Amino acid sequence: MRRVIFLLVAALAGVFGTGAQAQLTVEARMKRDVFLLYEPLPVQVTIRNISGRPIQLEESEGRHWLDFTIAYEDGREVLSLAGLKPEGAIAVRPNQTITRTVDLLPLYDLRTRGDYRVQAAVNNGGMRMLSAPLRFNIIQGRETWVQTVGLPATEDQPAEYRTFSLQTRRDGQSDHLYICVRDDKKGIVYGLLEMGPYIPLGDPSVRFDKAACLHLLYQSGPRAFGYICVDSSAHVLDRAGYSDYSSKPELISDLSGTVTVRGGEKVFPRSERMLTTEELNPPPPSAPPPKPKKKWWWPFGPS
């Protein structure tokens, strides 16, 4: 009899559990499955309410309703370093879809090369709904250039140094270029920034300005060049694109330590303001303004 009751309770729990699970669908996506070490690891999570009533997602005990389960290929769980910041309760209407994009790198201990498996998890009303597992691989990039520079000295702080390096990753038939900024003495990696497609025709042009910011000019395509300026904390200060139809762009620095791009045609970013018809078709500078017509006065009215 006890065995029958146990099986009945288990069956009912399975039915209710399946019903609760079926209220939401959770899907996780990554743009690619190979990443460089210390590169951001963005995961897009799509949640859809397939029930006939609104569902409210809210924090529990100060924890976000969304988290992840990450494991190595051998099944060992990856250590969690931090959780998502609470964003308040969210009501998801029937048939509504919401999307969140989360960078896994600052949240989990993903600082070693290897194969990983990740699942997004939505916690709602005591239930935990998981996405299908995604597999991705973290590899070491190929370092093509590296230089250590000192930061501008101040009286209150000791001397600091930053190591900038260029790394490449092969993706099918194309190469992708990255900038890495780190402090080797403290063992800190400030960031690994992807520049995008890169054509290795000659070495990229690199210069540092007086603030120890890196200026990089590289060939991103046929007759196309990319430019970026990155500071010592891996923050992007400026970015632009150039062509070489009339002249080839190059990096130059003046005596004050300012670095600029000379030559080429700037194709990005373009001006956001639309030009008026008068600005597009200005009058010739030598054309005199039209003379006003003279008004004649007649004492007996108009002639």
C-alpha atoms as a PDB file:
ATOM      1  CA  MET A   1       0.000   0.000   0.000  1.00  0.00           C
ATOM      2  CA  ARG A   2       2.804   2.399   0.901  1.00  0.00           C
ATOM      3  CA  ARG A   3       4.448   1.625  -2.424  1.00  0.00           C
ATOM      4  CA  VAL A   4       1.227   2.496  -4.291  1.00  0.00           C
ATOM      5  CA  ILE A   5       0.873   5.795  -2.399  1.00  0.00           C
ATOM      6  CA  PHE A   6       4.540   6.645  -3.105  1.00  0.00           C
ATOM      7  CA  LEU A   7       4.130   5.972  -6.814  1.00  0.00           C
ATOM      8  CA  LEU A   8       0.940   8.062  -6.928  1.00  0.00           C
ATOM      9  CA  VAL A   9       2.602  11.009  -5.185  1.00  0.00           C
ATOM     10  CA  ALA A  10       5.594  10.754  -7.512  1.00  0.00           C
ATOM     11  CA  ALA A  11       3.334  10.695 -10.572  1.00  0.00           C
ATOM     12  CA  LEU A  12       1.375  13.741  -9.389  1.00  0.00           C
ATOM     13  CA  ALA A  13       4.612  15.593  -8.657  1.00  0.00           C
ATOM     14  CA  GLY A  14       5.815  14.782 -12.155  1.00  0.00           C
ATOM     15  CA  VAL A  15       2.581  16.034 -13.701  1.00  0.00           C
ATOM     16  CA  PHE A  16       2.599  19.311 -11.764  1.00  0.00           C
ATOM     17  CA  GLY A  17       6.322  19.731 -12.318  1.00  0.00           C
ATOM     18  CA  THR A  18       5.902  19.250 -16.061  1.00  0.00           C
ATOM     19  CA  GLY A  19       3.029  21.701 -16.136  1.00  0.00           C
ATOM     20  CA  ALA A  20       5.025  24.355 -14.326  1.00  0.00           C
ATOM     21  CA  GLN A  21       8.007  23.737 -16.557  1.00  0.00           C
ATOM     22  CA  ALA A  22       5.823  24.086 -19.637  1.00  0.00           C
ATOM     23  CA  GLN A  23       4.734  27.594 -18.659  1.00  0.00           C
ATOM     24  CA  LEU A  24       8.024  29.076 -19.830  1.00  0.00           C
ATOM     25  CA  THR A  25      10.517  28.150 -22.515  1.00  0.00           C
ATOM     26  CA  VAL A  26      14.156  29.113 -22.060  1.00  0.00           C
ATOM     27  CA  GLU A  27      16.633  29.283 -24.940  1.00  0.00           C
ATOM     28  CA  ALA A  28      20.307  30.275 -24.799  1.00  0.00           C
ATOM     29  CA  ARG A  29      22.406  31.321 -27.793  1.00  0.00           C
ATOM     30  CA  MET A  30      26.000  32.364 -28.447  1.00  0.00           C
ATOM     31  CA  LYS A  31      27.152  33.942 -31.709  1.00  0.00           C
ATOM     32  CA  ARG A  32      30.025  31.473 -31.973  1.00  0.00           C
ATOM     33  CA  ASP A  33      31.481  28.561 -30.044  1.00  0.00           C
ATOM     34  CA  VAL A  34      35.194  29.493 -29.957  1.00  0.00           C
ATOM     35  CA  PHE A  35      36.500  32.379 -27.825  1.00  0.00           C
ATOM     36  CA  LEU A  36      39.913  33.646 -26.839  1.00  0.00           C
ATOM     37  CA  LEU A  37      41.073  33.557 -23.236  1.00  0.00           C
ATOM     38  CA  TYR A  38      39.771  36.664 -21.374  1.00  0.00           C
ATOM     39  CA  GLU A  39      37.450  37.584 -24.234  1.00  0.00           C
ATOM     40  CA  PRO A  40      33.869  38.587 -23.252  1.00  0.00           C
ATOM     41  CA  LEU A  41      31.451  35.631 -23.363  1.00  0.00           C
ATOM     42  CA  PRO A  42      28.013  37.070 -24.183  1.00  0.00           C
ATOM     43  CA  VAL A  43      25.031  34.711 -23.960  1.00  0.00           C
ATOM     44  CA  GLN A  44      21.610  35.754 -25.244  1.00  0.00           C
ATOM     45  CA  VAL A  45      18.773  34.238 -23.212  1.00  0.00           C
ATOM     46  CA  THR A  46      15.260  34.221 -24.689  1.00  0.00           C
ATOM     47  CA  ILE A  47      12.317  33.506 -22.359  1.00  0.00           C
ATOM     48  CA  ARG A  48       8.796  32.987 -23.655  1.00  0.00           C
ATOM     49  CA  ASN A  49       5.535  32.679 -21.740  1.00  0.00           C
ATOM     50  CA  ILE A  50       3.535  29.898 -23.402  1.00  0.00           C
ATOM     51  CA  SER A  51       0.845  29.757 -20.717  1.00  0.00           C
ATOM     52  CA  GLY A  52      -2.491  31.536 -20.862  1.00  0.00           C
ATOM     53  CA  ARG A  53      -1.821  33.851 -17.932  1.00  0.00           C
ATOM     54  CA  PRO A  54       0.807  36.458 -16.961  1.00  0.00           C
ATOM     55  CA  ILE A  55       3.873  35.140 -15.130  1.00  0.00           C
ATOM     56  CA  GLN A  56       5.877  37.330 -12.802  1.00  0.00           C
ATOM     57  CA  LEU A  57       9.624  36.824 -12.565  1.00  0.00           C
ATOM     58  CA  GLU A  58      11.125  38.225  -9.391  1.00  0.00           C
ATOM     59  CA  GLU A  59      14.144  37.913  -7.153  1.00  0.00           C
ATOM     60  CA  SER A  60      14.243  35.448  -4.286  1.00  0.00           C
ATOM     61  CA  GLU A  61      16.368  36.154  -1.206  1.00  0.00           C
ATOM     62  CA  GLY A  62      18.152  38.951  -3.046  1.00  0.00           C
ATOM     63  CA  ARG A  63      19.157  36.733  -5.988  1.00  0.00           C
ATOM     64  CA  HIS A  64      18.274  37.409  -9.615  1.00  0.00           C
ATOM     65  CA  TRP A  65      15.678  35.151 -11.210  1.00  0.00           C
ATOM     66  CA  LEU A  66      18.188  34.363 -13.986  1.00  0.00           C
ATOM     67  CA  ASP A  67      21.432  32.467 -13.519  1.00  0.00           C
ATOM     68  CA  PHE A  68      23.546  29.855 -15.292  1.00  0.00           C
ATOM     69  CA  THR A  69      24.945  26.387 -14.797  1.00  0.00           C
ATOM     70  CA  ILE A  70      28.426  26.045 -16.307  1.00  0.00           C
ATOM     71  CA  ALA A  71      30.553  22.913 -16.254  1.00  0.00           C
ATOM     72  CA  TYR A  72      33.779  21.647 -17.761  1.00  0.00           C
ATOM     73  CA  GLU A  73      33.552  18.924 -20.369  1.00  0.00           C
ATOM     74  CA  ASP A  74      34.335  16.322 -17.683  1.00  0.00           C
ATOM     75  CA  GLY A  75      31.330  17.424 -15.610  1.00  0.00           C
ATOM     76  CA  ARG A  76      33.082  19.525 -12.946  1.00  0.00           C
ATOM     77  CA  GLU A  77      31.093  22.654 -12.128  1.00  0.00           C
ATOM     78  CA  VAL A  78      32.663  26.067 -12.809  1.00  0.00           C
ATOM     79  CA  LEU A  79      32.905  28.323  -9.768  1.00  0.00           C
ATOM     80  CA  SER A  80      30.509  31.278  -9.660  1.00  0.00           C
ATOM     81  CA  LEU A  81      32.194  34.606  -8.862  1.00  0.00           C
ATOM     82  CA  ALA A  82      29.179  36.915  -8.745  1.00  0.00           C
ATOM     83  CA  GLY A  83      25.502  37.038  -9.552  1.00  0.00           C
ATOM     84  CA  LEU A  84      23.455  39.330 -11.734  1.00  0.00           C
ATOM     85  CA  LYS A  85      22.286  42.530 -10.113  1.00  0.00           C
ATOM     86  CA  PRO A  86      18.569  42.446  -9.204  1.00  0.00           C
ATOM     87  CA  GLU A  87      16.398  44.392 -11.628  1.00  0.00           C
ATOM     88  CA  GLY A  88      13.014  44.127  -9.909  1.00  0.00           C
ATOM     89  CA  ALA A  89       9.967  42.037 -10.737  1.00  0.00           C
ATOM     90  CA  ILE A  90       9.044  41.551 -14.402  1.00  0.00           C
ATOM     91  CA  ALA A  91       5.566  40.550 -15.597  1.00  0.00           C
ATOM     92  CA  VAL A  92       5.645  38.448 -18.754  1.00  0.00           C
ATOM     93  CA  ARG A  93       2.343  38.473 -20.624  1.00  0.00           C
ATOM     94  CA  PRO A  94       0.944  35.382 -22.363  1.00  0.00           C
ATOM     95  CA  ASN A  95       2.901  34.617 -25.549  1.00  0.00           C
ATOM     96  CA  GLN A  96       5.342  37.431 -24.744  1.00  0.00           C
ATOM     97  CA  THR A  97       9.083  36.973 -25.250  1.00  0.00           C
ATOM     98  CA  ILE A  98      11.781  38.765 -23.269  1.00  0.00           C
ATOM     99  CA  THR A  99      15.517  38.698 -23.951  1.00  0.00           C
ATOM    100  CA  ARG A 100      18.552  39.242 -21.755  1.00  0.00           C
ATOM    101  CA  THR A 101      22.195  39.315 -22.890  1.00  0.00           C
ATOM    102  CA  VAL A 102      24.710  38.426 -20.177  1.00  0.00           C
ATOM    103  CA  ASP A 103      28.517  38.403 -20.267  1.00  0.00           C
ATOM    104  CA  LEU A 104      29.630  35.254 -18.416  1.00  0.00           C
ATOM    105  CA  LEU A 105      33.274  36.300 -18.004  1.00  0.00           C
ATOM    106  CA  PRO A 106      32.905  38.530 -14.900  1.00  0.00           C
ATOM    107  CA  LEU A 107      30.349  36.164 -13.321  1.00  0.00           C
ATOM    108  CA  TYR A 108      32.167  32.802 -13.513  1.00  0.00           C
ATOM    109  CA  ASP A 109      35.729  31.515 -13.219  1.00  0.00           C
ATOM    110  CA  LEU A 110      36.343  31.086 -16.951  1.00  0.00           C
ATOM    111  CA  ARG A 111      40.073  31.896 -16.928  1.00  0.00           C
ATOM    112  CA  THR A 112      41.478  28.666 -18.299  1.00  0.00           C
ATOM    113  CA  ARG A 113      41.502  27.098 -21.727  1.00  0.00           C
ATOM    114  CA  GLY A 114      39.185  24.177 -22.317  1.00  0.00           C
ATOM    115  CA  ASP A 115      35.763  22.945 -23.365  1.00  0.00           C
ATOM    116  CA  TYR A 116      32.713  24.125 -21.448  1.00  0.00           C
ATOM    117  CA  ARG A 117      28.973  23.527 -21.294  1.00  0.00           C
ATOM    118  CA  VAL A 118      26.490  26.224 -20.225  1.00  0.00           C
ATOM    119  CA  GLN A 119      22.746  26.238 -19.511  1.00  0.00           C
ATOM    120  CA  ALA A 120      20.606  29.276 -18.692  1.00  0.00           C
ATOM    121  CA  ALA A 121      18.292  28.823 -15.701  1.00  0.00           C
ATOM    122  CA  VAL A 122      15.114  30.744 -14.837  1.00  0.00           C
ATOM    123  CA  ASN A 123      13.936  30.408 -11.237  1.00  0.00           C
ATOM    124  CA  ASN A 124      10.207  30.962 -10.771  1.00  0.00           C
ATOM    125  CA  GLY A 125       7.930  29.925  -7.919  1.00  0.00           C
ATOM    126  CA  GLY A 126      10.286  27.280  -6.601  1.00  0.00           C
ATOM    127  CA  MET A 127      10.769  25.792 -10.071  1.00  0.00           C
ATOM    128  CA  ARG A 128      14.010  25.918 -12.046  1.00  0.00           C
ATOM    129  CA  MET A 129      13.697  25.909 -15.837  1.00  0.00           C
ATOM    130  CA  LEU A 130      16.845  25.130 -17.836  1.00  0.00           C
ATOM    131  CA  SER A 131      17.732  25.770 -21.451  1.00  0.00           C
ATOM    132  CA  ALA A 132      19.290  23.170 -23.690  1.00  0.00           C
ATOM    133  CA  PRO A 133      23.067  22.993 -23.067  1.00  0.00           C
ATOM    134  CA  LEU A 134      25.451  25.051 -25.212  1.00  0.00           C
ATOM    135  CA  ARG A 135      29.043  23.996 -25.756  1.00  0.00           C
ATOM    136  CA  PHE A 136      31.878  26.455 -26.297  1.00  0.00           C
ATOM    137  CA  ASN A 137      35.649  26.371 -26.309  1.00  0.00           C
ATOM    138  CA  ILE A 138      38.179  28.838 -24.846  1.00  0.00           C
ATOM    139  CA  ILE A 139      41.548  28.934 -26.610  1.00  0.00           C
ATOM    140  CA  GLN A 140      44.752  30.959 -26.436  1.00  0.00           C
ATOM    141  CA  GLY A 141      45.143  33.601 -29.145  1.00  0.00           C
ATOM    142  CA  ARG A 142      48.291  33.919 -31.247  1.00  0.00           C
ATOM    143  CA  GLU A 143      50.267  36.920 -29.989  1.00  0.00           C
ATOM    144  CA  THR A 144      51.784  38.918 -32.854  1.00  0.00           C
ATOM    145  CA  TRP A 145      53.001  42.048 -31.036  1.00  0.00           C
ATOM    146  CA  VAL A 146      53.545  43.097 -27.398  1.00  0.00           C
ATOM    147  CA  GLN A 147      54.876  46.202 -25.636  1.00  0.00           C
ATOM    148  CA  THR A 148      54.978  47.397 -22.014  1.00  0.00           C
ATOM    149  CA  VAL A 149      54.643  51.137 -21.334  1.00  0.00           C
ATOM    150  CA  GLY A 150      54.704  53.249 -18.195  1.00  0.00           C
ATOM    151  CA  LEU A 151      51.677  55.296 -17.217  1.00  0.00           C
ATOM    152  CA  PRO A 152      52.020  59.033 -16.568  1.00  0.00           C
ATOM    153  CA  ALA A 153      53.617  59.422 -13.125  1.00  0.00           C
ATOM    154  CA  THR A 154      51.865  61.159 -10.224  1.00  0.00           C
ATOM    155  CA  GLU A 155      53.169  62.199  -6.810  1.00  0.00           C
ATOM    156  CA  ASP A 156      50.589  60.184  -4.855  1.00  0.00           C
ATOM    157  CA  GLN A 157      50.884  56.856  -6.696  1.00  0.00           C
ATOM    158  CA  PRO A 158      53.867  54.626  -7.476  1.00  0.00           C
ATOM    159  CA  ALA A 159      54.869  53.942 -11.049  1.00  0.00           C
ATOM    160  CA  GLU A 160      52.460  51.720 -12.961  1.00  0.00           C
ATOM    161  CA  TYR A 161      52.949  49.797 -16.170  1.00  0.00           C
ATOM    162  CA  ARG A 162      50.629  48.314 -18.764  1.00  0.00           C
ATOM    163  CA  THR A 163      51.343  45.596 -21.287  1.00  0.00           C
ATOM    164  CA  PHE A 164      49.518  45.956 -24.582  1.00  0.00           C
ATOM    165  CA  SER A 165      49.488  43.067 -27.048  1.00  0.00           C
ATOM    166  CA  LEU A 166      47.892  42.188 -30.370  1.00  0.00           C
ATOM    167  CA  GLN A 167      46.420  38.724 -30.793  1.00  0.00           C
ATOM    168  CA  THR A 168      44.803  36.997 -33.755  1.00  0.00           C
ATOM    169  CA  ARG A 169      42.224  34.239 -34.091  1.00  0.00           C
ATOM    170  CA  ARG A 170      41.563  32.228 -37.233  1.00  0.00           C
ATOM    171  CA  ASP A 171      37.873  31.851 -38.107  1.00  0.00           C
ATOM    172  CA  GLY A 172      37.356  29.800 -41.253  1.00  0.00           C
ATOM    173  CA  GLN A 173      39.053  31.708 -44.058  1.00  0.00           C
ATOM    174  CA  SER A 174      39.506  35.007 -42.182  1.00  0.00           C
ATOM    175  CA  ASP A 175      41.646  36.363 -39.345  1.00  0.00           C
ATOM    176  CA  HIS A 176      40.310  38.439 -36.463  1.00  0.00           C
ATOM    177  CA  LEU A 177      42.420  40.954 -34.549  1.00  0.00           C
ATOM    178  CA  TYR A 178      42.307  41.612 -30.783  1.00  0.00           C
ATOM    179  CA  ILE A 179      43.877  44.075 -28.332  1.00  0.00           C
ATOM    180  CA  CYS A 180      44.781  42.814 -24.854  1.00  0.00           C
ATOM    181  CA  VAL A 181      45.556  45.184 -21.950  1.00  0.00           C
ATOM    182  CA  ARG A 182      47.069  43.710 -18.781  1.00  0.00           C
ATOM    183  CA  ASP A 183      49.178  44.454 -15.715  1.00  0.00           C
ATOM    184  CA  ASP A 184      51.725  41.650 -15.501  1.00  0.00           C
ATOM    185  CA  LYS A 185      53.025  42.696 -12.068  1.00  0.00           C
ATOM    186  CA  LYS A 186      49.574  42.495 -10.440  1.00  0.00           C
ATOM    187  CA  GLY A 187      48.330  39.657 -12.644  1.00  0.00           C
ATOM    188  CA  ILE A 188      45.335  41.684 -13.852  1.00  0.00           C
ATOM    189  CA  VAL A 189      43.845  41.484 -17.340  1.00  0.00           C
ATOM    190  CA  TYR A 190      41.818  44.627 -17.992  1.00  0.00           C
ATOM    191  CA  GLY A 191      40.249  43.405 -21.193  1.00  0.00           C
ATOM    192  CA  LEU A 192      40.540  41.650 -24.528  1.00  0.00           C
ATOM    193  CA  LEU A 193      38.866  43.696 -27.261  1.00  0.00           C
ATOM    194  CA  GLU A 194      37.929  42.323 -30.678  1.00  0.00           C
ATOM    195  CA  MET A 195      38.718  44.603 -33.602  1.00  0.00           C
ATOM    196  CA  GLY A 196      36.968  42.462 -36.212  1.00  0.00           C
ATOM    197  CA  PRO A 197      38.242  41.017 -39.514  1.00  0.00           C
ATOM    198  CA  TYR A 198      41.896  41.650 -40.236  1.00  0.00           C
ATOM    199  CA  ILE A 199      43.984  41.252 -43.399  1.00  0.00           C
ATOM    200  CA  PRO A 200      47.622  40.535 -42.458  1.00  0.00           C
ATOM    201  CA  LEU A 201      49.202  42.540 -45.280  1.00  0.00           C
ATOM    202  CA  GLY A 202      52.105  44.076 -43.418  1.00  0.00           C
ATOM    203  CA  ASP A 203      52.198  44.856 -39.710  1.00  0.00           C
ATOM    204  CA  PRO A 204      49.521  47.070 -38.106  1.00  0.00           C
ATOM    205  CA  SER A 205      50.631  50.588 -37.224  1.00  0.00           C
ATOM    206  CA  VAL A 206      50.863  51.206 -33.456  1.00  0.00           C
ATOM    207  CA  ARG A 207      51.645  54.402 -31.555  1.00  0.00           C
ATOM    208  CA  PHE A 208      51.261  55.602 -27.955  1.00  0.00           C
ATOM    209  CA  ASP A 209      50.276  59.129 -26.979  1.00  0.00           C
ATOM    210  CA  LYS A 210      51.364  61.137 -23.930  1.00  0.00           C
ATOM    211  CA  ALA A 211      48.613  59.533 -21.790  1.00  0.00           C
ATOM    212  CA  ALA A 212      49.887  56.005 -22.603  1.00  0.00           C
ATOM    213  CA  CYS A 213      46.845  55.301 -24.760  1.00  0.00           C
ATOM    214  CA  LEU A 214      47.284  52.884 -27.650  1.00  0.00           C
ATOM    215  CA  HIS A 215      46.450  54.031 -31.189  1.00  0.00           C
ATOM    216  CA  LEU A 216      46.099  51.224 -33.713  1.00  0.00           C
ATOM    217  CA  LEU A 217      45.634  51.398 -37.498  1.00  0.00           C
ATOM    218  CA  TYR A 218      45.158  48.077 -39.307  1.00  0.00           C
ATOM    219  CA  GLN A 219      43.847  46.810 -42.642  1.00  0.00           C
ATOM    220  CA  SER A 220      40.339  45.452 -42.139  1.00  0.00           C
ATOM    221  CA  GLY A 221      39.501  44.676 -45.776  1.00  0.00           C
ATOM    222  CA  PRO A 222      40.378  45.448 -49.389  1.00  0.00           C
ATOM    223  CA  ARG A 223      41.107  49.203 -49.453  1.00  0.00           C
ATOM    224  CA  ALA A 224      39.642  49.472 -45.922  1.00  0.00           C
ATOM    225  CA  PHE A 225      41.397  50.345 -42.654  1.00  0.00           C
ATOM    226  CA  GLY A 226      40.258  50.322 -39.057  1.00  0.00           C
ATOM    227  CA  TYR A 227      41.409  52.754 -36.373  1.00  0.00           C
ATOM    228  CA  ILE A 228      40.953  52.493 -32.613  1.00  0.00           C
ATOM    229  CA  CYS A 229      42.239  54.260 -29.497  1.00  0.00           C
ATOM    230  CA  VAL A 230      42.313  52.282 -26.220  1.00  0.00           C
ATOM    231  CA  ASP A 231      43.342  53.540 -22.781  1.00  0.00           C
ATOM    232  CA  SER A 232      45.237  51.716 -20.028  1.00  0.00           C
ATOM    233  CA  SER A 233      42.012  50.206 -18.626  1.00  0.00           C
ATOM    234  CA  ALA A 234      40.932  48.717 -21.983  1.00  0.00           C
ATOM    235  CA  HIS A 235      38.287  51.387 -22.549  1.00  0.00           C
ATOM    236  CA  VAL A 236      37.680  52.374 -26.170  1.00  0.00           C
ATOM    237  CA  LEU A 237      38.132  56.140 -26.518  1.00  0.00           C
ATOM    238  CA  ASP A 238      37.753  56.475 -30.294  1.00  0.00           C
ATOM    239  CA  ARG A 239      37.031  54.289 -33.295  1.00  0.00           C
ATOM    240  CA  ALA A 240      36.855  55.030 -37.015  1.00  0.00           C
ATOM    241  CA  GLY A 241      37.088  53.504 -40.478  1.00  0.00           C
ATOM    242  CA  TYR A 242      39.083  54.749 -43.477  1.00  0.00           C
ATOM    243  CA  SER A 243      39.555  53.940 -47.142  1.00  0.00           C
ATOM    244  CA  ASP A 244      42.648  54.487 -49.281  1.00  0.00           C
ATOM    245  CA  TYR A 245      41.112  55.471 -52.637  1.00  0.00           C
ATOM    246  CA  SER A 246      42.976  58.784 -52.887  1.00  0.00           C
ATOM    247  CA  SER A 247      45.689  58.283 -50.237  1.00  0.00           C
ATOM    248  CA  LYS A 248      46.696  55.705 -47.663  1.00  0.00           C
ATOM    249  CA  PRO A 249      45.937  56.552 -44.011  1.00  0.00           C
ATOM    250  CA  GLU A 250      48.811  56.563 -41.526  1.00  0.00           C
ATOM    251  CA  LEU A 251      49.361  57.312 -37.847  1.00  0.00           C
ATOM    252  CA  ILE A 252      51.452  60.371 -37.005  1.00  0.00           C
ATOM    253  CA  SER A 253      52.449  61.936 -33.685  1.00  0.00           C
ATOM    254  CA  ASP A 254      53.560  65.502 -33.037  1.00  0.00           C
ATOM    255  CA  LEU A 255      56.031  66.919 -30.518  1.00  0.00           C
ATOM    256  CA  SER A 256      53.305  67.274 -27.865  1.00  0.00           C
ATOM    257  CA  GLY A 257      52.572  63.541 -27.957  1.00  0.00           C
ATOM    258  CA  THR A 258      49.253  63.782 -29.764  1.00  0.00           C
ATOM    259  CA  VAL A 259      48.506  60.964 -32.225  1.00  0.00           C
ATOM    260  CA  THR A 260      46.234  61.459 -35.243  1.00  0.00           C
ATOM    261  CA  VAL A 261      45.381  59.750 -38.514  1.00  0.00           C
ATOM    262  CA  ARG A 262      46.683  61.492 -41.625  1.00  0.00           C
ATOM    263  CA  GLY A 263      45.489  60.732 -45.127  1.00  0.00           C
ATOM    264  CA  GLY A 264      42.806  58.358 -46.325  1.00  0.00           C
ATOM    265  CA  GLU A 265      39.069  59.030 -46.478  1.00  0.00           C
ATOM    266  CA  LYS A 266      37.080  58.729 -43.268  1.00  0.00           C
ATOM    267  CA  VAL A 267      34.047  56.536 -43.955  1.00  0.00           C
ATOM    268  CA  PHE A 268      32.991  55.872 -40.341  1.00  0.00           C
ATOM    269  CA  PRO A 269      31.546  57.426 -38.303  1.00  0.00           C
ATOM    270  CA  ARG A 270      29.601  59.682 -40.608  1.00  0.00           C
ATOM    271  CA  SER A 271      27.892  62.904 -39.553  1.00  0.00           C
ATOM    272  CA  GLU A 272      24.478  62.198 -38.013  1.00  0.00           C
ATOM    273  CA  ARG A 273      23.079  65.590 -39.094  1.00  0.00           C
ATOM    274  CA  MET A 274      21.382  65.647 -42.499  1.00  0.00           C
ATOM    275  CA  LEU A 275      22.598  68.493 -44.719  1.00  0.00           C
ATOM    276  CA  THR A 276      20.037  70.958 -46.017  1.00  0.00           C
ATOM    277  CA  THR A 277      19.446  71.652 -49.708  1.00  0.00           C
ATOM    278  CA  GLU A 278      21.203  75.006 -49.366  1.00  0.00           C
ATOM    279  CA  GLU A 279      24.243  73.323 -47.789  1.00  0.00           C
ATOM    280  CA  LEU A 280      24.357  70.686 -50.512  1.00  0.00           C
ATOM    281  CA  ASN A 281      24.002  73.303 -53.274  1.00  0.00           C
ATOM    282  CA  PRO A 282      25.606  76.521 -52.008  1.00  0.00           C
ATOM    283  CA  PRO A 283      25.677  79.529 -54.354  1.00  0.00           C
ATOM    284  CA  PRO A 284      28.963  80.341 -56.097  1.00  0.00           C
ATOM    285  CA  PRO A 285      31.089  82.502 -53.792  1.00  0.00           C
ATOM    286  CA  SER A 286      31.726  85.055 -56.568  1.00  0.00           C
ATOM    287  CA  ALA A 287      28.040  85.600 -57.418  1.00  0.00           C
ATOM    288  CA  PRO A 288      26.815  88.974 -56.034  1.00  0.00           C
ATOM    289  CA  PRO A 289      23.508  88.976 -54.113  1.00  0.00           C
ATOM    290  CA  PRO A 290      20.470  89.975 -56.218  1.00  0.00           C
ATOM    291  CA  LYS A 291      19.621  93.696 -56.114  1.00  0.00           C
ATOM    292  CA  PRO A 292      16.205  94.622 -54.690  1.00  0.00           C
ATOM    293  CA  LYS A 293      13.694  96.063 -57.142  1.00  0.00           C
ATOM    294  CA  LYS A 294      13.139  99.806 -56.862  1.00  0.00           C
ATOM    295  CA  LYS A 295       9.643 100.992 -55.917  1.00  0.00           C
ATOM    296  CA  TRP A 296       8.555 104.103 -57.861  1.00  0.00           C
ATOM    297  CA  TRP A 297       6.231 106.666 -56.280  1.00  0.00           C
ATOM    298  CA  TRP A 298       3.651 108.516 -58.485  1.00  0.00           C
ATOM    299  CA  PRO A 299       1.579 111.352 -56.987  1.00  0.00           C
ATOM    300  CA  PHE A 300      -1.606 110.452 -58.918  1.00  0.00           C
ATOM    301  CA  GLY A 301      -1.603 106.767 -58.012  1.00  0.00           C
ATOM    302  CA  PRO A 302      -0.205 103.841 -59.935  1.00  0.00           C
ATOM    303  CA  SER A 303       0.467 104.411 -63.612  1.00  0.00           C
END
